[in-house]
Amino acid sequence: MTPIQQELRRAADVLRSADALLIGAGAGMGVDSGLPDFRGTEGFWRAYPAYAKLGLDFASMANPQWFQQDPELAWGFYGHRLGLYRATNPHPGFALLRTWASRMRHGAFVFTSNVDGQFQKAGFPEERVLEVHGSIHFAQCLGSCTEISSAAPYSVEVDPETFRARPPLPTCPRCGSLVRPNILMFGDWGWDASRTEAQEQRLSKWLEAVKPGSLAIIECGAGTAIPSVRHFCERVAAAGKGTLIRINVREPQVPADGISLPLRALEALRAVVF
């Protein structure tokens, strides 16, 4: 039996005996659905060649300053991503996770750094998802309004050559001011975190109900560049709640007693049989 086969068997044993499933997900979870992970400048520029000409990388574009300085550039970037995520169907690994959770007393809760809404699209209940960096499917007003609203009414037309948004840009239905995605960006002091904070409270309450040692923590495609998901999953495991199963083809290193699967997300989920 190979080391990976041994780890897969360990993972199956953990899932078989678990009462609850905590799913941690980073950008690698969406790659098997065809979504870009923007890893490295070259990968980002392949997805957005217009920004290569401007010398703008992902961190430069994912910045709230553009909504003040150049709203058409800002909404070109986020409008394209909104359309991409709306058009993308979750890969079969999401359904596998839902099936596993259905066998467990406390079901599943998702902790993700992804803003794409793929877990909800795959059928996970809204009240069982924590989007630590917000969601592109919600918007916040840049004017005097304070409420977060659904982005469903907004449709952004993007020039395919320049990746600039064509007017009219999304505006607040209450006051008419420009809106922005309810996403935590780089250098972002204006993000309204109230929706994510409510999700955090629900996750804390759910974790309190789970008996120590009975939790399966399965982490998919969460890297070290922005380690929000990795750190959270490691903290929960270290607190004695359960065993961490880390699925990561590039960075599979795991703390002691954890399970390391150096595979892509869908490949690993399909390989775990219990």
Protein backbone atom coordinates (compact mmCIF):
# COMPACT_ATOMS: atom_id res chain seq x y z
CA MET A 1 0.00 0.00 0.00
CA THR A 2 1.41 3.40 -1.00
CA PRO A 3 1.65 6.30 1.49
CA ILE A 4 -1.23 8.10 -0.26
CA GLN A 5 -3.40 4.96 -0.08
CA GLN A 6 -2.64 4.74 3.65
CA GLU A 7 -3.64 8.36 4.14
CA LEU A 8 -6.82 7.84 2.12
CA ARG A 9 -7.73 4.90 4.36
CA ARG A 10 -7.09 7.01 7.46
CA ALA A 11 -9.28 9.78 6.01
CA ALA A 12 -12.09 7.29 5.36
CA ASP A 13 -11.87 6.02 8.95
CA VAL A 14 -12.11 9.58 10.31
CA LEU A 15 -15.12 10.40 8.13
CA ARG A 16 -16.84 7.12 8.97
CA SER A 17 -16.72 7.79 12.70
CA ALA A 18 -17.45 11.55 12.59
CA ASP A 19 -20.61 13.21 13.90
CA ALA A 20 -19.95 16.45 12.01
CA LEU A 21 -18.01 17.75 9.01
CA LEU A 22 -16.14 21.06 8.92
CA ILE A 23 -15.20 21.93 5.34
CA GLY A 24 -12.38 24.40 4.82
CA ALA A 25 -12.00 25.64 1.25
CA GLY A 26 -9.56 27.87 -0.58
CA ALA A 27 -9.08 28.75 -4.25
CA GLY A 28 -7.96 25.21 -5.08
CA MET A 29 -11.50 23.98 -4.45
CA GLY A 30 -12.80 25.92 -7.45
CA VAL A 31 -10.05 24.98 -9.91
CA ASP A 32 -11.72 21.67 -10.74
CA SER A 33 -14.85 23.60 -11.69
CA GLY A 34 -12.78 25.53 -14.21
CA LEU A 35 -12.23 28.65 -12.10
CA PRO A 36 -8.81 30.38 -12.12
CA ASP A 37 -6.96 30.50 -8.79
CA PHE A 38 -4.89 33.58 -9.79
CA ARG A 39 -1.78 31.90 -8.32
CA GLY A 40 1.21 34.00 -9.30
CA THR A 41 1.33 37.04 -11.55
CA GLU A 42 1.65 34.99 -14.73
CA GLY A 43 -1.48 32.98 -13.97
CA PHE A 44 -3.45 36.14 -13.29
CA TRP A 45 -2.23 37.82 -16.47
CA ARG A 46 -3.15 34.77 -18.55
CA ALA A 47 -6.71 35.18 -17.27
CA TYR A 48 -6.66 38.98 -17.69
CA PRO A 49 -4.20 39.98 -20.44
CA ALA A 50 -5.40 43.59 -20.42
CA TYR A 51 -3.99 44.03 -16.91
CA ALA A 52 -0.61 42.65 -18.02
CA LYS A 53 -0.34 45.61 -20.41
CA LEU A 54 -1.05 47.95 -17.49
CA GLY A 55 1.35 46.10 -15.18
CA LEU A 56 -1.41 45.45 -12.64
CA ASP A 57 -1.39 42.17 -10.70
CA PHE A 58 -4.20 40.61 -8.64
CA ALA A 59 -3.35 42.50 -5.44
CA SER A 60 -3.27 45.77 -7.39
CA MET A 61 -6.68 45.16 -8.94
CA ALA A 62 -8.35 43.76 -5.79
CA ASN A 63 -8.09 47.16 -4.15
CA PRO A 64 -10.99 49.43 -3.12
CA GLN A 65 -9.16 52.54 -4.36
CA TRP A 66 -10.31 51.85 -7.93
CA PHE A 67 -13.97 52.35 -7.02
CA GLN A 68 -13.07 55.96 -6.20
CA GLN A 69 -10.37 56.59 -8.82
CA ASP A 70 -11.63 54.59 -11.81
CA PRO A 71 -15.00 52.86 -11.22
CA GLU A 72 -15.16 51.44 -14.75
CA LEU A 73 -11.82 49.69 -14.21
CA ALA A 74 -12.95 48.42 -10.80
CA TRP A 75 -16.28 47.07 -12.02
CA GLY A 76 -14.61 45.66 -15.14
CA PHE A 77 -12.57 43.36 -12.90
CA TYR A 78 -15.35 42.46 -10.46
CA GLY A 79 -18.08 42.44 -13.08
CA HIS A 80 -16.21 39.87 -15.13
CA ARG A 81 -15.69 37.71 -12.03
CA LEU A 82 -19.36 38.03 -11.10
CA GLY A 83 -20.39 36.78 -14.54
CA LEU A 84 -17.82 33.98 -14.40
CA TYR A 85 -18.99 32.71 -11.02
CA ARG A 86 -22.63 32.92 -12.02
CA ALA A 87 -21.94 30.81 -15.11
CA THR A 88 -19.79 28.17 -13.37
CA ASN A 89 -21.28 24.93 -12.08
CA PRO A 90 -19.72 23.32 -8.99
CA HIS A 91 -17.73 20.15 -9.69
CA PRO A 92 -18.94 16.74 -8.38
CA GLY A 93 -16.76 17.01 -5.27
CA PHE A 94 -19.29 19.41 -3.74
CA ALA A 95 -22.01 16.78 -4.06
CA LEU A 96 -19.74 14.18 -2.45
CA LEU A 97 -19.22 16.45 0.55
CA ARG A 98 -22.98 16.99 0.87
CA THR A 99 -23.56 13.24 0.77
CA TRP A 100 -20.98 12.62 3.50
CA ALA A 101 -22.48 15.36 5.66
CA SER A 102 -25.97 13.87 5.29
CA ARG A 103 -24.76 10.76 7.13
CA MET A 104 -23.57 12.77 10.14
CA ARG A 105 -25.63 13.84 13.13
CA HIS A 106 -24.61 17.51 12.96
CA GLY A 107 -24.17 17.75 9.18
CA ALA A 108 -21.60 20.14 7.74
CA PHE A 109 -20.44 23.73 8.09
CA VAL A 110 -18.29 25.45 5.46
CA PHE A 111 -15.45 27.88 6.21
CA THR A 112 -14.18 29.38 2.95
CA SER A 113 -11.99 32.21 1.73
CA ASN A 114 -13.64 31.98 -1.68
CA VAL A 115 -16.05 34.73 -2.67
CA ASP A 116 -17.65 32.78 -5.53
CA GLY A 117 -20.77 31.38 -3.81
CA GLN A 118 -20.11 27.89 -5.18
CA PHE A 119 -21.09 26.10 -1.98
CA GLN A 120 -24.54 27.69 -1.92
CA LYS A 121 -24.91 26.95 -5.63
CA ALA A 122 -24.06 23.31 -4.86
CA GLY A 123 -26.90 23.12 -2.34
CA PHE A 124 -25.21 23.90 0.97
CA PRO A 125 -27.58 25.96 3.16
CA GLU A 126 -26.77 29.67 3.40
CA GLU A 127 -26.87 29.43 7.21
CA ARG A 128 -24.11 26.77 7.15
CA VAL A 129 -21.51 28.76 5.18
CA LEU A 130 -18.94 31.24 6.52
CA GLU A 131 -17.35 33.39 3.80
CA VAL A 132 -14.44 34.90 5.70
CA HIS A 133 -13.59 37.33 2.88
CA GLY A 134 -17.19 38.13 1.93
CA SER A 135 -19.10 37.29 -1.24
CA ILE A 136 -19.25 38.75 -4.74
CA HIS A 137 -22.98 37.97 -4.76
CA PHE A 138 -23.61 40.76 -2.23
CA ALA A 139 -22.99 44.49 -2.55
CA GLN A 140 -22.49 47.43 -0.22
CA CYS A 141 -23.29 51.06 -0.90
CA LEU A 142 -20.46 53.59 -1.21
CA GLY A 143 -22.83 56.38 -0.25
CA SER A 144 -24.80 56.95 2.94
CA CYS A 145 -26.65 53.62 3.03
CA THR A 146 -25.32 50.97 5.40
CA GLU A 147 -27.22 47.82 4.48
CA ILE A 148 -25.69 44.97 2.51
CA SER A 149 -27.89 43.92 -0.41
CA SER A 150 -27.99 41.09 -2.92
CA ALA A 151 -26.05 41.61 -6.14
CA ALA A 152 -28.64 39.57 -8.05
CA PRO A 153 -30.25 42.65 -9.71
CA TYR A 154 -26.90 43.81 -11.11
CA SER A 155 -25.60 42.92 -14.53
CA VAL A 156 -22.24 44.32 -15.62
CA GLU A 157 -21.24 44.47 -19.28
CA VAL A 158 -17.46 44.22 -19.65
CA ASP A 159 -15.41 45.10 -22.73
CA PRO A 160 -13.56 41.84 -23.57
CA GLU A 161 -10.49 43.71 -24.86
CA THR A 162 -9.94 46.27 -22.11
CA PHE A 163 -11.81 44.53 -19.25
CA ARG A 164 -13.42 47.87 -18.42
CA ALA A 165 -17.09 47.97 -17.46
CA ARG A 166 -19.49 49.76 -19.76
CA PRO A 167 -21.94 52.17 -18.13
CA PRO A 168 -24.32 52.10 -16.42
CA LEU A 169 -22.45 50.79 -13.39
CA PRO A 170 -24.24 49.14 -10.42
CA THR A 171 -25.83 51.72 -8.15
CA CYS A 172 -27.69 51.66 -4.86
CA PRO A 173 -31.48 51.34 -5.31
CA ARG A 174 -32.01 53.57 -2.27
CA CYS A 175 -29.70 56.54 -2.79
CA GLY A 176 -28.29 56.07 -6.30
CA SER A 177 -24.65 55.95 -5.18
CA LEU A 178 -22.15 53.55 -6.69
CA VAL A 179 -21.99 50.15 -4.98
CA ARG A 180 -19.04 47.76 -4.61
CA PRO A 181 -18.89 44.03 -3.92
CA ASN A 182 -19.12 43.07 -0.27
CA ILE A 183 -15.63 41.54 -0.44
CA LEU A 184 -12.59 42.12 1.74
CA MET A 185 -9.99 43.58 -0.62
CA PHE A 186 -6.34 44.46 -0.07
CA GLY A 187 -5.83 47.56 2.08
CA ASP A 188 -9.57 47.63 2.64
CA TRP A 189 -10.79 49.71 5.58
CA GLY A 190 -14.24 50.21 4.12
CA TRP A 191 -15.42 46.60 3.99
CA ASP A 192 -18.70 46.03 5.81
CA ALA A 193 -18.01 42.81 7.73
CA SER A 194 -21.45 42.55 9.38
CA ARG A 195 -22.66 39.70 7.15
CA THR A 196 -19.49 37.66 7.76
CA GLU A 197 -19.65 38.39 11.51
CA ALA A 198 -23.17 36.93 11.64
CA GLN A 199 -21.85 33.84 9.85
CA GLU A 200 -19.04 33.57 12.42
CA GLN A 201 -21.57 33.55 15.25
CA ARG A 202 -23.50 30.71 13.61
CA LEU A 203 -20.32 28.67 13.12
CA SER A 204 -19.27 29.17 16.76
CA LYS A 205 -22.65 27.96 17.97
CA TRP A 206 -22.47 24.93 15.66
CA LEU A 207 -18.96 24.02 16.86
CA GLU A 208 -20.08 24.23 20.49
CA ALA A 209 -22.68 21.54 19.83
CA VAL A 210 -20.11 19.13 18.38
CA LYS A 211 -18.62 16.68 20.87
CA PRO A 212 -14.81 16.95 21.16
CA GLY A 213 -13.00 14.44 18.97
CA SER A 214 -16.03 13.72 16.79
CA LEU A 215 -15.37 16.31 14.06
CA ALA A 216 -13.89 15.56 10.65
CA ILE A 217 -12.09 18.62 9.28
CA ILE A 218 -11.57 18.36 5.55
CA GLU A 219 -9.61 21.22 3.99
CA CYS A 220 -9.53 21.58 0.20
CA GLY A 221 -7.11 23.73 -1.78
CA ALA A 222 -6.23 26.28 0.89
CA GLY A 223 -2.74 27.70 0.42
CA THR A 224 -0.24 29.54 2.58
CA ALA A 225 -0.17 32.84 0.65
CA ILE A 226 -3.35 34.00 2.42
CA PRO A 227 -3.63 31.35 5.14
CA SER A 228 -7.04 32.24 6.63
CA VAL A 229 -8.52 28.79 6.00
CA ARG A 230 -5.40 26.79 6.91
CA HIS A 231 -4.96 28.59 10.22
CA PHE A 232 -8.62 28.21 11.17
CA CYS A 233 -8.71 24.48 10.41
CA GLU A 234 -5.47 23.93 12.32
CA ARG A 235 -6.81 25.84 15.35
CA VAL A 236 -10.00 23.77 15.44
CA ALA A 237 -8.00 20.53 15.21
CA ALA A 238 -5.51 21.70 17.88
CA ALA A 239 -8.41 22.48 20.21
CA GLY A 240 -9.25 18.75 20.22
CA LYS A 241 -12.42 18.98 18.15
CA GLY A 242 -11.29 16.49 15.52
CA THR A 243 -8.81 15.39 12.86
CA LEU A 244 -7.58 17.59 10.02
CA ILE A 245 -7.57 16.09 6.51
CA ARG A 246 -5.59 18.47 4.29
CA ILE A 247 -6.05 18.18 0.51
CA ASN A 248 -3.50 20.32 -1.29
CA VAL A 249 -1.53 19.36 -4.37
CA ARG A 250 1.16 22.03 -3.83
CA GLU A 251 1.30 22.57 -0.05
CA PRO A 252 0.15 19.36 1.66
CA GLN A 253 2.22 19.75 4.85
CA VAL A 254 0.07 19.09 7.90
CA PRO A 255 0.57 19.32 11.70
CA ALA A 256 1.16 16.17 13.75
CA ASP A 257 -1.75 13.69 13.70
CA GLY A 258 -3.20 15.34 10.60
CA ILE A 259 -3.77 13.57 7.29
CA SER A 260 -1.98 14.84 4.18
CA LEU A 261 -3.36 14.23 0.69
CA PRO A 262 -1.13 15.84 -1.99
CA LEU A 263 -3.87 15.72 -4.61
CA ARG A 264 -6.28 18.06 -6.36
CA ALA A 265 -9.57 18.56 -4.56
CA LEU A 266 -11.87 16.52 -6.80
CA GLU A 267 -9.28 13.77 -7.26
CA ALA A 268 -8.89 13.34 -3.49
CA LEU A 269 -12.60 13.52 -2.69
CA ARG A 270 -13.35 10.82 -5.25
CA ALA A 271 -10.56 8.64 -3.85
CA VAL A 272 -11.91 8.67 -0.29
CA VAL A 273 -14.40 5.81 -0.01
CA PHE A 274 -16.24 5.07 3.22
